[in-house]
Amino acid sequence: MDPITPGTEEHDRAPGRRPPRDSLTAHLVQSAPALARTTRIVSGDFLLTVNPVDGSEIAPVPPGTPGAGTPRRRSAEERAEAEYAALPPGAEESEVELLARQEVRESLVQLLTRGRSVRLTGPAGAGRTSLLDLVAEDCTDLAPDGVVRLTGAHRTADDLLRDLFHTVYDAPHRHPEPDELRTLVKEIGAVVVVDDLEFGGASLSGLLDATPECAFLLGATPDIPAPAADLEVEEVELPGLDRAASMEILERTLGRALTEEESNWAGDLWFESEGLPLRFVQAGALLRQREQLRAGAGVVDEYGVFEDVRPPAEAVFGVPVEEDEAEEVPLPSLGEAAAPAPLLASRLSSSARATLRFAVALEGEVPHQAHLPALVGDTHADAALAELSACGLVSRAGARYRLASSVRVQLEAAGYGDDAAERALTAARHYAWWAGHPSVAPERVCAEADAVLAALALLAPAVRQQTEGEGNEAEAEENCAVRLAHAACAAFAAGLHWNAWQRTLRVGTEAARLAGDTAEQAYFHHELGVLALCEGQLDRARTELEASQGLRAALADKRGTVAGRRALALVADRAGD
């Protein structure tokens, strides 16, 4: 089962504490406990059993535990298969963004061939991701471990080291401790391509020092801190396109030569945009939409969305428009071309516009297209992503899509963020059910981590304690952030995205405190203690675990108390108490 719309299904999992929903015979037969997913992870010399019900259990690794030995290197075929599986839907290269880039491309390949690391710096929308993809293809045979593509979006240097480890080694349930991690990645020889890098300075130095046999190709925007002065990293700037290449983008998009009026309009846009390819992809979409409006509607569009889901011409122009007048659609003004997102969005399907509203609410993160039918309430909503991509409103970020540069600001100014709280709540309810479903692999939840964390960040501060007399609906709404944090943190732990695990635990702890949910507070404190123990922070582990034990004693939670007592005993043993 691939759960996108809520349903029921049983699996062989660890027993939980809650009975099944809608039990029609509860008054006749005692309900069986709900089923939950447990996962075993080897972290250093600890064996961690992630249990989303009573809290994770931690113990020394028994001899002969699977996954505790030296991990196996993946073959080139396995790496290629994993890389292909991680690509977001529709992630084919856009040739129009690669015009006039051949010289830069060859320069980057030559530097990497000599074993040099390079930082490619360019503003958002300069076509950096597409260029990195092409250079990666050119470098396939340069290093023993091939090319490793990583995303730096919301990732620290330690996160990237662990991503590199799991890309090269086959260790699905292994979270090596820092010393072991550095020993293993030190042996990796690869060309590592990192797009959307978010750090520089000492953090970048630590990343490169830990991987002496790797050559890095780093993509970053100019506002990211530069590498340390003593770090041997070549700096390459990615400029905008010249006027001829920018015009060619528009002609390829339209499939014809530009008229004189269109050429003059595009020339003004080129001067204003400094030749950023993304702006001309969006401008091409504006001209394409203009042609569609002039031609009139009447057939199914290229994405399979029927005509009745598109707004009429009156909705686009704001005034009644006769059929013959629609054929005289003027070119967008320079202001509309400079900030095209609202105009582009107004001419898309209702599902695409709803997807944009969700993305604005989720801090620019676009939910995976498999979630869109459930979120939007339209069975054809998964086609919305193709519409948004064709218009240049979204851009690829690793295995996901985000709103393209400045699109979120433009849409918020047009009112797309007015219902952000409601959209975030809808997304949180869906993700809370989906992330906790036993049939959903933890890796899939980790891939959606940015959207889940964005929903939590918006909802958690608004949580309040339920007052006496409030109904079930109010309780469900107020506890949504707590339920999502509980479901997601277990998946993040099992999926080895421990940065997201820690962030979710902290948000969940605060949300549970605001909601007055003692049981959930105990769970989150216990998990924070276990995480601190895995990271060698014994004092912090003791503090969190003792806080959890105090709350569970008040609740008379025997099973949770036993798990906490065992973890505290392990802390005392490690501390020599």
Protein backbone atom coordinates (compact mmCIF):
# COMPACT_ATOMS: atom_id res chain seq x y z
CA MET A 1 0.00 0.00 0.00
CA ASP A 2 1.22 3.51 -0.84
CA PRO A 3 -0.68 5.65 1.65
CA ILE A 4 -1.57 9.05 0.33
CA THR A 5 -5.26 9.00 1.19
CA PRO A 6 -5.98 7.69 4.71
CA GLY A 7 -6.99 4.04 4.99
CA THR A 8 -6.38 1.04 7.27
CA GLU A 9 -3.92 -1.82 7.00
CA GLU A 10 -2.25 -4.14 9.52
CA HIS A 11 1.39 -5.15 9.67
CA ASP A 12 3.58 -7.22 11.94
CA ARG A 13 4.90 -4.49 14.16
CA ALA A 14 5.51 -3.77 17.83
CA PRO A 15 2.30 -3.42 19.88
CA GLY A 16 1.14 0.10 20.71
CA ARG A 17 -1.22 1.46 23.33
CA ARG A 18 -4.15 2.75 21.29
CA PRO A 19 -7.06 0.64 19.99
CA PRO A 20 -8.04 0.59 16.28
CA ARG A 21 -10.33 3.33 14.99
CA ASP A 22 -14.10 2.89 14.74
CA SER A 23 -14.24 -0.40 16.58
CA LEU A 24 -17.87 -1.46 16.14
CA THR A 25 -17.56 -4.32 18.62
CA ALA A 26 -15.57 -2.60 21.33
CA HIS A 27 -18.35 -3.20 23.84
CA LEU A 28 -18.29 -6.96 23.12
CA VAL A 29 -14.63 -7.88 22.50
CA GLN A 30 -11.49 -6.33 23.93
CA SER A 31 -9.62 -4.46 21.18
CA ALA A 32 -6.18 -5.56 20.10
CA PRO A 33 -3.45 -2.93 20.51
CA ALA A 34 -2.57 -0.75 17.54
CA LEU A 35 0.48 -1.71 15.51
CA ALA A 36 3.61 0.40 15.31
CA ARG A 37 6.85 0.25 13.34
CA THR A 38 10.14 -0.39 15.15
CA THR A 39 13.61 -0.09 13.63
CA ARG A 40 17.04 -1.19 14.90
CA ILE A 41 20.02 1.08 14.27
CA VAL A 42 23.70 0.57 15.10
CA SER A 43 25.16 3.87 16.37
CA GLY A 44 28.78 3.46 17.38
CA ASP A 45 28.78 0.72 20.02
CA PHE A 46 25.07 1.26 20.81
CA LEU A 47 22.11 -0.66 19.46
CA LEU A 48 19.19 1.74 19.19
CA THR A 49 15.66 0.37 18.80
CA VAL A 50 13.39 3.16 17.61
CA ASN A 51 9.97 2.65 19.21
CA PRO A 52 7.36 5.34 18.46
CA VAL A 53 5.07 4.15 21.26
CA ASP A 54 6.97 3.89 24.54
CA GLY A 55 10.20 5.57 23.47
CA SER A 56 13.38 4.26 21.93
CA GLU A 57 15.48 1.70 23.75
CA ILE A 58 19.28 1.79 23.78
CA ALA A 59 21.75 -0.91 24.79
CA PRO A 60 25.32 -2.01 23.99
CA VAL A 61 25.64 -3.75 20.62
CA PRO A 62 25.52 -7.54 21.14
CA PRO A 63 28.19 -9.58 19.35
CA GLY A 64 27.19 -10.62 15.84
CA THR A 65 24.60 -7.88 15.38
CA PRO A 66 23.85 -7.38 11.65
CA GLY A 67 25.28 -4.11 10.34
CA ALA A 68 27.86 -3.73 13.12
CA GLY A 69 30.88 -4.73 11.02
CA THR A 70 32.75 -2.87 8.32
CA PRO A 71 30.19 -1.57 5.77
CA ARG A 72 30.31 -2.71 2.15
CA ARG A 73 31.02 -0.27 -0.66
CA ARG A 74 28.27 0.08 -3.22
CA SER A 75 29.00 -0.83 -6.82
CA ALA A 76 28.76 1.76 -9.58
CA GLU A 77 25.48 0.20 -10.71
CA GLU A 78 24.02 0.41 -7.21
CA ARG A 79 25.05 4.05 -6.87
CA ALA A 80 23.52 4.89 -10.23
CA GLU A 81 20.28 3.13 -9.32
CA ALA A 82 20.07 4.94 -5.97
CA GLU A 83 20.81 8.29 -7.62
CA TYR A 84 18.09 7.75 -10.21
CA ALA A 85 15.58 6.75 -7.53
CA ALA A 86 16.33 9.95 -5.60
CA LEU A 87 15.56 12.25 -8.52
CA PRO A 88 12.35 14.25 -8.12
CA PRO A 89 9.62 13.68 -10.71
CA GLY A 90 10.25 15.40 -14.03
CA ALA A 91 13.87 16.23 -13.22
CA GLU A 92 15.18 16.25 -16.76
CA GLU A 93 17.74 18.86 -17.77
CA SER A 94 16.62 22.11 -19.33
CA GLU A 95 18.80 22.83 -22.34
CA VAL A 96 17.59 26.42 -22.65
CA GLU A 97 19.37 27.35 -19.42
CA LEU A 98 22.70 26.01 -20.71
CA LEU A 99 23.16 28.36 -23.64
CA ALA A 100 26.51 30.19 -23.72
CA ARG A 101 27.85 28.07 -20.84
CA GLN A 102 30.24 25.78 -22.73
CA GLU A 103 33.38 27.70 -21.78
CA VAL A 104 32.52 27.65 -18.07
CA ARG A 105 31.62 23.98 -18.32
CA GLU A 106 34.97 23.04 -19.83
CA SER A 107 36.85 25.13 -17.26
CA LEU A 108 35.11 23.36 -14.37
CA VAL A 109 35.84 19.91 -15.81
CA GLN A 110 39.53 20.78 -16.26
CA LEU A 111 39.87 21.95 -12.65
CA LEU A 112 38.19 18.82 -11.31
CA THR A 113 40.36 16.62 -13.54
CA ARG A 114 43.40 18.09 -11.81
CA GLY A 115 41.91 17.20 -8.41
CA ARG A 116 41.04 20.78 -7.48
CA SER A 117 37.92 21.71 -5.58
CA VAL A 118 35.79 24.48 -7.10
CA ARG A 119 33.05 26.78 -5.82
CA LEU A 120 30.66 27.94 -8.54
CA THR A 121 29.03 31.16 -7.40
CA GLY A 122 26.03 32.70 -9.08
CA PRO A 123 22.74 34.36 -8.12
CA ALA A 124 19.60 32.27 -7.76
CA GLY A 125 18.11 31.70 -11.19
CA ALA A 126 21.46 31.77 -13.03
CA GLY A 127 21.15 28.13 -14.19
CA ARG A 128 23.65 26.82 -11.65
CA THR A 129 21.89 23.49 -11.02
CA SER A 130 21.62 22.60 -14.71
CA LEU A 131 25.29 23.42 -15.26
CA LEU A 132 26.35 21.28 -12.28
CA ASP A 133 24.35 18.37 -13.69
CA LEU A 134 26.20 18.58 -17.01
CA VAL A 135 29.62 18.86 -15.39
CA ALA A 136 28.79 15.84 -13.21
CA GLU A 137 28.06 13.80 -16.33
CA ASP A 138 31.42 14.85 -17.80
CA CYS A 139 33.28 13.65 -14.67
CA THR A 140 31.72 10.20 -14.33
CA ASP A 141 34.99 8.30 -14.84
CA LEU A 142 37.40 10.64 -13.06
CA ALA A 143 37.42 9.01 -9.60
CA PRO A 144 37.21 5.44 -8.20
CA ASP A 145 33.90 6.10 -6.48
CA GLY A 146 32.51 8.08 -9.41
CA VAL A 147 30.38 11.19 -8.96
CA VAL A 148 28.35 11.75 -5.80
CA ARG A 149 25.59 14.37 -6.00
CA LEU A 150 24.41 15.92 -2.74
CA THR A 151 22.19 18.84 -1.81
CA GLY A 152 23.42 21.45 0.64
CA ALA A 153 19.96 22.92 1.30
CA HIS A 154 19.37 22.98 5.08
CA ARG A 155 22.41 20.70 5.56
CA THR A 156 25.38 21.16 7.86
CA ALA A 157 28.92 19.93 7.19
CA ASP A 158 28.25 16.86 9.37
CA ASP A 159 25.03 16.16 7.46
CA LEU A 160 26.93 16.21 4.16
CA LEU A 161 29.60 13.85 5.51
CA ARG A 162 26.90 11.39 6.52
CA ASP A 163 25.12 11.78 3.17
CA LEU A 164 28.42 11.05 1.44
CA PHE A 165 28.97 7.98 3.63
CA HIS A 166 25.52 6.54 2.91
CA THR A 167 25.86 7.21 -0.82
CA VAL A 168 29.14 5.29 -1.14
CA TYR A 169 28.59 2.59 1.52
CA ASP A 170 25.71 0.15 1.85
CA ALA A 171 24.78 0.75 5.50
CA PRO A 172 21.01 1.26 5.71
CA HIS A 173 20.79 0.93 9.53
CA ARG A 174 24.12 2.40 10.52
CA HIS A 175 24.83 5.77 12.13
CA PRO A 176 28.59 5.83 12.74
CA GLU A 177 30.04 7.90 15.55
CA PRO A 178 32.15 10.92 14.47
CA ASP A 179 35.57 9.23 14.65
CA GLU A 180 34.35 6.16 12.79
CA LEU A 181 32.61 8.36 10.22
CA ARG A 182 35.78 10.28 9.44
CA THR A 183 37.79 7.08 9.14
CA LEU A 184 35.35 5.71 6.57
CA VAL A 185 34.87 8.87 4.48
CA LYS A 186 38.62 9.44 4.42
CA GLU A 187 38.89 6.42 2.11
CA ILE A 188 36.32 7.73 -0.38
CA GLY A 189 37.68 8.96 -3.70
CA ALA A 190 34.94 10.74 -5.63
CA VAL A 191 33.93 13.93 -7.39
CA VAL A 192 31.37 15.34 -4.95
CA VAL A 193 28.86 17.79 -6.43
CA VAL A 194 27.04 19.86 -3.80
CA ASP A 195 24.38 22.31 -4.93
CA ASP A 196 22.77 25.00 -2.75
CA LEU A 197 25.65 25.04 -0.25
CA GLU A 198 24.72 27.07 2.84
CA PHE A 199 28.01 27.39 4.73
CA GLY A 200 31.64 28.36 4.21
CA GLY A 201 34.57 29.30 6.40
CA ALA A 202 35.65 26.82 9.08
CA SER A 203 32.73 24.45 8.41
CA LEU A 204 33.74 24.10 4.77
CA SER A 205 37.35 23.57 5.80
CA GLY A 206 36.28 20.73 8.11
CA LEU A 207 34.31 19.09 5.32
CA LEU A 208 37.20 19.17 2.86
CA ASP A 209 39.81 18.15 5.44
CA ALA A 210 37.74 15.05 6.30
CA THR A 211 37.67 13.95 2.64
CA PRO A 212 41.22 14.41 1.28
CA GLU A 213 40.67 12.03 -1.66
CA CYS A 214 37.60 13.89 -2.97
CA ALA A 215 37.33 16.84 -5.36
CA PHE A 216 34.34 19.05 -4.60
CA LEU A 217 32.22 21.06 -7.01
CA LEU A 218 30.22 23.41 -4.82
CA GLY A 219 27.30 25.54 -5.99
CA ALA A 220 26.41 28.58 -3.87
CA THR A 221 24.89 32.04 -4.04
CA PRO A 222 27.05 35.13 -3.45
CA ASP A 223 25.67 35.70 0.06
CA ILE A 224 27.14 32.42 1.39
CA PRO A 225 30.39 32.94 3.38
CA ALA A 226 33.53 32.42 1.31
CA PRO A 227 35.96 29.55 1.96
CA ALA A 228 38.78 30.18 4.43
CA ALA A 229 41.74 32.05 2.97
CA ASP A 230 44.09 29.08 3.39
CA LEU A 231 41.68 26.64 1.73
CA GLU A 232 42.61 25.69 -1.82
CA VAL A 233 39.24 26.15 -3.47
CA GLU A 234 38.98 27.74 -6.92
CA GLU A 235 36.32 30.43 -7.28
CA VAL A 236 34.33 30.54 -10.52
CA GLU A 237 31.56 33.10 -11.05
CA LEU A 238 28.53 32.33 -13.19
CA PRO A 239 27.37 35.48 -14.99
CA GLY A 240 24.06 36.12 -16.69
CA LEU A 241 23.46 35.30 -20.35
CA ASP A 242 24.12 37.75 -23.13
CA ARG A 243 21.23 39.26 -25.06
CA ALA A 244 21.39 36.80 -27.97
CA ALA A 245 21.23 33.75 -25.70
CA SER A 246 18.36 35.27 -23.72
CA MET A 247 16.38 35.83 -26.93
CA GLU A 248 17.08 32.23 -27.95
CA ILE A 249 15.49 30.99 -24.72
CA LEU A 250 12.27 32.79 -25.64
CA GLU A 251 12.34 31.49 -29.22
CA ARG A 252 12.88 27.91 -28.09
CA THR A 253 10.04 28.23 -25.61
CA LEU A 254 7.66 29.59 -28.25
CA GLY A 255 8.94 27.43 -31.11
CA ARG A 256 9.16 30.41 -33.43
CA ALA A 257 11.04 33.65 -34.04
CA LEU A 258 10.09 36.69 -31.96
CA THR A 259 8.16 39.53 -33.51
CA GLU A 260 9.69 43.00 -33.47
CA GLU A 261 7.40 44.03 -30.63
CA GLU A 262 8.36 40.95 -28.61
CA SER A 263 12.08 41.51 -29.31
CA ASN A 264 11.92 45.08 -28.02
CA TRP A 265 10.02 43.92 -24.93
CA ALA A 266 12.55 41.13 -24.32
CA GLY A 267 15.44 43.57 -24.73
CA ASP A 268 14.07 45.76 -21.96
CA LEU A 269 13.66 42.65 -19.77
CA TRP A 270 17.25 41.55 -20.48
CA PHE A 271 18.58 44.90 -19.33
CA GLU A 272 16.46 44.83 -16.18
CA SER A 273 17.19 41.15 -15.28
CA GLU A 274 20.92 41.17 -16.11
CA GLY A 275 20.41 38.08 -18.25
CA LEU A 276 19.28 35.59 -15.58
CA PRO A 277 18.05 32.46 -17.41
CA LEU A 278 15.20 31.86 -14.94
CA ARG A 279 13.68 35.23 -15.78
CA PHE A 280 13.57 34.33 -19.46
CA VAL A 281 12.08 30.92 -18.77
CA GLN A 282 9.31 32.76 -16.91
CA ALA A 283 9.06 35.38 -19.67
CA GLY A 284 8.73 32.60 -22.24
CA ALA A 285 5.89 31.14 -20.18
CA LEU A 286 4.18 34.54 -20.17
CA LEU A 287 4.40 34.73 -23.97
CA ARG A 288 3.18 31.16 -24.31
CA GLN A 289 0.18 31.90 -22.09
CA ARG A 290 -0.50 35.02 -24.14
CA GLU A 291 -0.61 32.93 -27.31
CA GLN A 292 -2.99 30.46 -25.66
CA LEU A 293 -5.30 33.29 -24.60
CA ARG A 294 -5.23 34.74 -28.10
CA ALA A 295 -5.94 31.37 -29.68
CA GLY A 296 -8.84 30.79 -27.29
CA ALA A 297 -9.67 27.75 -25.19
CA GLY A 298 -11.57 24.67 -26.29
CA VAL A 299 -9.44 21.56 -25.92
CA VAL A 300 -7.70 19.72 -23.16
CA ASP A 301 -4.40 21.38 -22.34
CA GLU A 302 -1.04 19.67 -22.59
CA TYR A 303 -1.10 18.52 -18.95
CA GLY A 304 -4.43 16.74 -19.11
CA VAL A 305 -6.26 19.36 -17.03
CA PHE A 306 -9.67 20.20 -18.47
CA GLU A 307 -10.62 23.68 -19.57
CA ASP A 308 -13.15 24.16 -16.80
CA VAL A 309 -10.42 24.27 -14.14
CA ARG A 310 -8.77 27.33 -15.71
CA PRO A 311 -9.97 30.84 -14.81
CA PRO A 312 -11.89 32.65 -17.53
CA ALA A 313 -10.36 35.62 -19.31
CA GLU A 314 -12.38 37.97 -17.08
CA ALA A 315 -10.58 36.52 -14.01
CA VAL A 316 -7.19 37.09 -15.62
CA PHE A 317 -7.77 40.68 -16.74
CA GLY A 318 -10.12 41.76 -13.96
CA VAL A 319 -12.76 43.15 -16.37
CA PRO A 320 -15.24 41.58 -18.82
CA VAL A 321 -13.48 40.53 -22.04
CA GLU A 322 -15.22 39.77 -25.32
CA GLU A 323 -14.02 36.83 -27.42
CA ASP A 324 -12.65 39.06 -30.20
CA GLU A 325 -10.91 41.26 -27.63
CA ALA A 326 -9.12 38.20 -26.17
CA GLU A 327 -7.27 37.88 -29.46
CA GLU A 328 -5.66 41.28 -28.81
CA VAL A 329 -3.98 40.36 -25.54
CA PRO A 330 -1.22 42.93 -24.94
CA LEU A 331 2.30 42.06 -23.94
CA PRO A 332 2.89 42.08 -20.18
CA SER A 333 4.24 45.31 -18.81
CA LEU A 334 7.88 45.46 -17.75
CA GLY A 335 6.72 45.46 -14.12
CA GLU A 336 4.70 42.29 -14.67
CA ALA A 337 7.67 40.66 -16.41
CA ALA A 338 10.00 41.66 -13.58
CA ALA A 339 7.69 40.04 -10.99
CA PRO A 340 5.77 37.52 -13.12
CA ALA A 341 4.66 34.97 -10.51
CA PRO A 342 1.14 36.37 -9.81
CA LEU A 343 0.31 36.76 -13.50
CA LEU A 344 1.68 33.32 -14.38
CA ALA A 345 -0.21 31.73 -11.50
CA SER A 346 -3.49 33.42 -12.43
CA ARG A 347 -3.47 31.59 -15.76
CA LEU A 348 -2.76 28.12 -14.31
CA SER A 349 -5.19 25.45 -13.23
CA SER A 350 -6.90 25.70 -9.83
CA SER A 351 -4.83 22.73 -8.60
CA ALA A 352 -1.60 24.50 -9.53
CA ARG A 353 -2.71 27.65 -7.72
CA ALA A 354 -3.66 25.62 -4.65
CA THR A 355 -0.23 23.95 -4.76
CA LEU A 356 1.37 27.38 -4.77
CA ARG A 357 -0.62 28.34 -1.69
CA PHE A 358 0.63 25.25 0.13
CA ALA A 359 4.20 26.04 -0.93
CA VAL A 360 3.92 29.62 0.34
CA ALA A 361 2.59 28.33 3.67
CA LEU A 362 5.42 25.77 3.92
CA GLU A 363 8.22 28.34 3.57
CA GLY A 364 8.66 27.69 -0.14
CA GLU A 365 8.75 23.88 0.08
CA VAL A 366 6.59 22.14 -2.53
CA PRO A 367 5.01 18.89 -1.28
CA HIS A 368 5.86 15.81 -3.32
CA GLN A 369 3.42 15.42 -6.17
CA ALA A 370 2.10 12.16 -4.70
CA HIS A 371 0.67 14.17 -1.78
CA LEU A 372 -1.00 16.83 -3.90
CA PRO A 373 -4.28 14.96 -4.67
CA ALA A 374 -4.91 14.48 -0.94
CA LEU A 375 -3.87 18.02 0.01
CA VAL A 376 -5.64 19.83 -2.82
CA GLY A 377 -8.65 17.54 -3.05
CA ASP A 378 -8.29 16.91 -6.79
CA THR A 379 -7.36 13.57 -8.31
CA HIS A 380 -5.53 15.37 -11.14
CA ALA A 381 -3.51 17.60 -8.80
CA ASP A 382 -0.32 15.61 -9.35
CA ALA A 383 -0.14 17.25 -12.80
CA ALA A 384 0.23 20.66 -11.14
CA LEU A 385 3.96 20.20 -10.65
CA ALA A 386 4.51 19.95 -14.42
CA GLU A 387 2.62 23.21 -14.91
CA LEU A 388 4.66 25.00 -12.27
CA SER A 389 7.95 23.67 -13.58
CA ALA A 390 7.16 24.66 -17.17
CA CYS A 391 6.50 28.23 -15.99
CA GLY A 392 9.70 28.48 -13.97
CA LEU A 393 7.82 28.94 -10.70
CA VAL A 394 9.57 26.01 -9.00
CA SER A 395 13.17 24.83 -9.07
CA ARG A 396 14.84 21.59 -8.11
CA ALA A 397 16.54 21.29 -4.70
CA GLY A 398 18.02 17.83 -4.37
CA ALA A 399 15.22 15.28 -4.36
CA ARG A 400 12.52 17.93 -4.00
CA TYR A 401 11.17 21.11 -5.53
CA ARG A 402 11.05 24.57 -3.99
CA LEU A 403 9.53 27.82 -5.13
CA ALA A 404 11.99 29.50 -7.45
CA SER A 405 13.95 32.59 -6.45
CA SER A 406 11.73 35.52 -5.30
CA VAL A 407 8.52 33.67 -6.27
CA ARG A 408 7.39 33.29 -2.67
CA VAL A 409 7.74 37.03 -2.01
CA GLN A 410 5.81 37.87 -5.18
CA LEU A 411 3.00 35.46 -4.34
CA GLU A 412 2.72 36.67 -0.75
CA ALA A 413 2.31 40.21 -2.06
CA ALA A 414 -0.51 38.91 -4.26
CA GLY A 415 -2.36 37.36 -1.29
CA TYR A 416 -1.26 33.75 -1.63
CA GLY A 417 -0.16 33.69 2.00
CA ASP A 418 -3.42 34.96 3.48
CA ASP A 419 -4.56 31.44 4.37
CA ALA A 420 -1.10 30.13 5.30
CA ALA A 421 -2.15 28.95 8.76
CA GLU A 422 -5.09 26.97 7.35
CA ARG A 423 -2.92 25.41 4.62
CA ALA A 424 -0.21 24.49 7.13
CA LEU A 425 -2.81 22.85 9.35
CA THR A 426 -4.16 20.82 6.41
CA ALA A 427 -0.64 19.73 5.50
CA ALA A 428 0.19 18.87 9.11
CA ARG A 429 -2.91 16.68 9.50
CA HIS A 430 -2.03 14.81 6.32
CA TYR A 431 1.65 14.40 7.21
CA ALA A 432 0.82 13.31 10.78
CA TRP A 433 -1.25 10.41 9.46
CA TRP A 434 1.12 9.57 6.61
CA ALA A 435 4.39 9.71 8.57
CA GLY A 436 3.03 7.39 11.26
CA HIS A 437 1.60 4.82 8.87
CA PRO A 438 3.45 1.49 9.22
CA SER A 439 3.71 0.98 5.45
CA VAL A 440 5.54 4.28 4.81
CA ALA A 441 9.31 3.79 4.73
CA PRO A 442 11.26 6.17 6.99
CA GLU A 443 13.37 7.24 4.00
CA ARG A 444 10.26 8.66 2.31
CA VAL A 445 9.42 10.70 5.40
CA CYS A 446 13.02 11.98 5.53
CA ALA A 447 12.71 13.10 1.90
CA GLU A 448 9.73 15.24 2.95
CA ALA A 449 11.51 16.58 6.06
CA ASP A 450 11.73 20.21 4.96
CA ALA A 451 7.98 20.46 4.33
CA VAL A 452 7.17 18.68 7.61
CA LEU A 453 9.48 20.96 9.59
CA ALA A 454 7.99 24.02 7.90
CA ALA A 455 4.47 22.96 8.93
CA LEU A 456 5.65 22.37 12.50
CA ALA A 457 7.41 25.74 12.66
CA LEU A 458 4.17 27.53 11.76
CA LEU A 459 1.80 25.50 13.95
CA ALA A 460 3.79 24.79 17.11
CA PRO A 461 3.92 28.38 18.47
CA ALA A 462 0.12 28.63 18.15
CA VAL A 463 -0.58 25.52 20.23
CA ARG A 464 -2.59 26.21 23.37
CA GLN A 465 -3.88 24.08 26.18
CA GLN A 466 -7.40 22.80 25.61
CA THR A 467 -9.90 24.32 28.03
CA GLU A 468 -12.67 22.36 29.62
CA GLY A 469 -15.71 22.04 27.37
CA GLU A 470 -13.91 22.17 24.04
CA GLY A 471 -14.94 19.40 21.67
CA ASN A 472 -13.02 16.72 19.87
CA GLU A 473 -12.56 18.90 16.78
CA ALA A 474 -10.85 21.65 18.75
CA GLU A 475 -8.67 19.10 20.52
CA ALA A 476 -7.63 17.52 17.22
CA GLU A 477 -6.71 20.92 15.80
CA GLU A 478 -4.71 22.03 18.81
CA ASN A 479 -2.83 18.72 19.14
CA CYS A 480 -2.02 18.43 15.43
CA ALA A 481 1.49 19.84 15.89
CA VAL A 482 2.14 17.39 18.73
CA ARG A 483 0.86 14.42 16.73
CA LEU A 484 2.91 15.40 13.70
CA ALA A 485 6.06 15.86 15.77
CA HIS A 486 5.57 12.45 17.41
CA ALA A 487 5.01 10.63 14.12
CA ALA A 488 7.78 12.43 12.25
CA CYS A 489 10.52 12.20 14.86
CA ALA A 490 10.31 8.41 14.95
CA ALA A 491 10.57 8.28 11.15
CA PHE A 492 13.50 10.73 11.11
CA ALA A 493 15.33 8.63 13.69
CA ALA A 494 14.75 5.41 11.77
CA GLY A 495 15.65 7.09 8.47
CA LEU A 496 18.96 8.39 9.92
CA HIS A 497 18.07 12.07 9.41
CA TRP A 498 19.13 12.90 12.95
CA ASN A 499 19.39 16.63 12.42
CA ALA A 500 15.67 16.68 11.58
CA TRP A 501 15.04 14.26 14.46
CA GLN A 502 16.60 16.67 16.95
CA ARG A 503 14.80 19.72 15.55
CA THR A 504 11.46 17.90 15.61
CA LEU A 505 11.98 16.72 19.18
CA ARG A 506 12.64 20.26 20.38
CA VAL A 507 9.58 21.64 18.59
CA GLY A 508 7.49 18.72 19.85
CA THR A 509 8.63 19.23 23.44
CA GLU A 510 7.54 22.86 23.39
CA ALA A 511 4.26 22.08 21.60
CA ALA A 512 3.43 19.36 24.13
CA ARG A 513 4.19 21.74 26.99
CA LEU A 514 1.90 24.41 25.53
CA ALA A 515 -0.83 21.83 24.98
CA GLY A 516 -0.48 20.46 28.51
CA ASP A 517 0.11 16.95 27.18
CA THR A 518 2.21 15.30 29.89
CA ALA A 519 2.52 11.93 28.14
CA GLU A 520 3.92 13.52 24.99
CA GLN A 521 6.29 15.70 27.00
CA ALA A 522 7.65 12.55 28.62
CA TYR A 523 8.09 10.89 25.24
CA PHE A 524 9.97 13.82 23.71
CA HIS A 525 12.25 14.26 26.73
CA HIS A 526 13.05 10.53 26.63
CA GLU A 527 13.95 10.70 22.94
CA LEU A 528 16.13 13.78 23.50
CA GLY A 529 17.95 11.87 26.23
CA VAL A 530 18.54 8.87 23.99
CA LEU A 531 19.79 11.11 21.18
CA ALA A 532 22.18 12.89 23.55
CA LEU A 533 23.49 9.52 24.76
CA CYS A 534 24.15 8.42 21.17
CA GLU A 535 26.10 11.66 20.65
CA GLY A 536 28.15 11.20 23.81
CA GLN A 537 26.55 14.12 25.70
CA LEU A 538 26.12 12.31 29.02
CA ASP A 539 25.11 15.27 31.21
CA ARG A 540 22.43 16.34 28.76
CA ALA A 541 21.24 12.76 28.39
CA ARG A 542 20.85 12.40 32.16
CA THR A 543 18.93 15.69 32.41
CA GLU A 544 16.46 14.78 29.65
CA LEU A 545 15.94 11.21 30.84
CA GLU A 546 15.36 12.27 34.45
CA ALA A 547 12.80 14.83 33.27
CA SER A 548 11.05 12.11 31.32
CA GLN A 549 11.09 9.73 34.29
CA GLY A 550 9.50 12.32 36.53
CA LEU A 551 6.66 12.90 34.09
CA ARG A 552 6.12 9.17 33.51
CA ALA A 553 6.05 8.47 37.24
CA ALA A 554 3.20 10.96 37.54
CA LEU A 555 1.38 9.12 34.74
CA ALA A 556 2.13 5.64 36.16
CA ASP A 557 3.54 4.69 32.75
CA LYS A 558 5.28 1.42 33.61
CA ARG A 559 6.61 0.42 30.18
CA GLY A 560 7.96 3.90 29.46
CA THR A 561 9.53 4.06 32.92
CA VAL A 562 11.35 0.78 32.34
CA ALA A 563 12.81 2.03 29.02
CA GLY A 564 13.94 5.26 30.70
CA ARG A 565 15.47 3.41 33.65
CA ARG A 566 17.55 1.25 31.32
CA ALA A 567 18.81 4.30 29.43
CA LEU A 568 19.74 6.04 32.69
CA ALA A 569 21.63 2.95 33.83
CA LEU A 570 23.62 3.06 30.59
CA VAL A 571 24.38 6.76 31.15
CA ALA A 572 25.64 5.99 34.65
CA ASP A 573 27.79 3.16 33.33
CA ARG A 574 29.37 5.37 30.66
CA ALA A 575 29.96 8.17 33.15
CA GLY A 576 31.61 5.78 35.61
CA ASP A 577 29.10 6.52 38.38
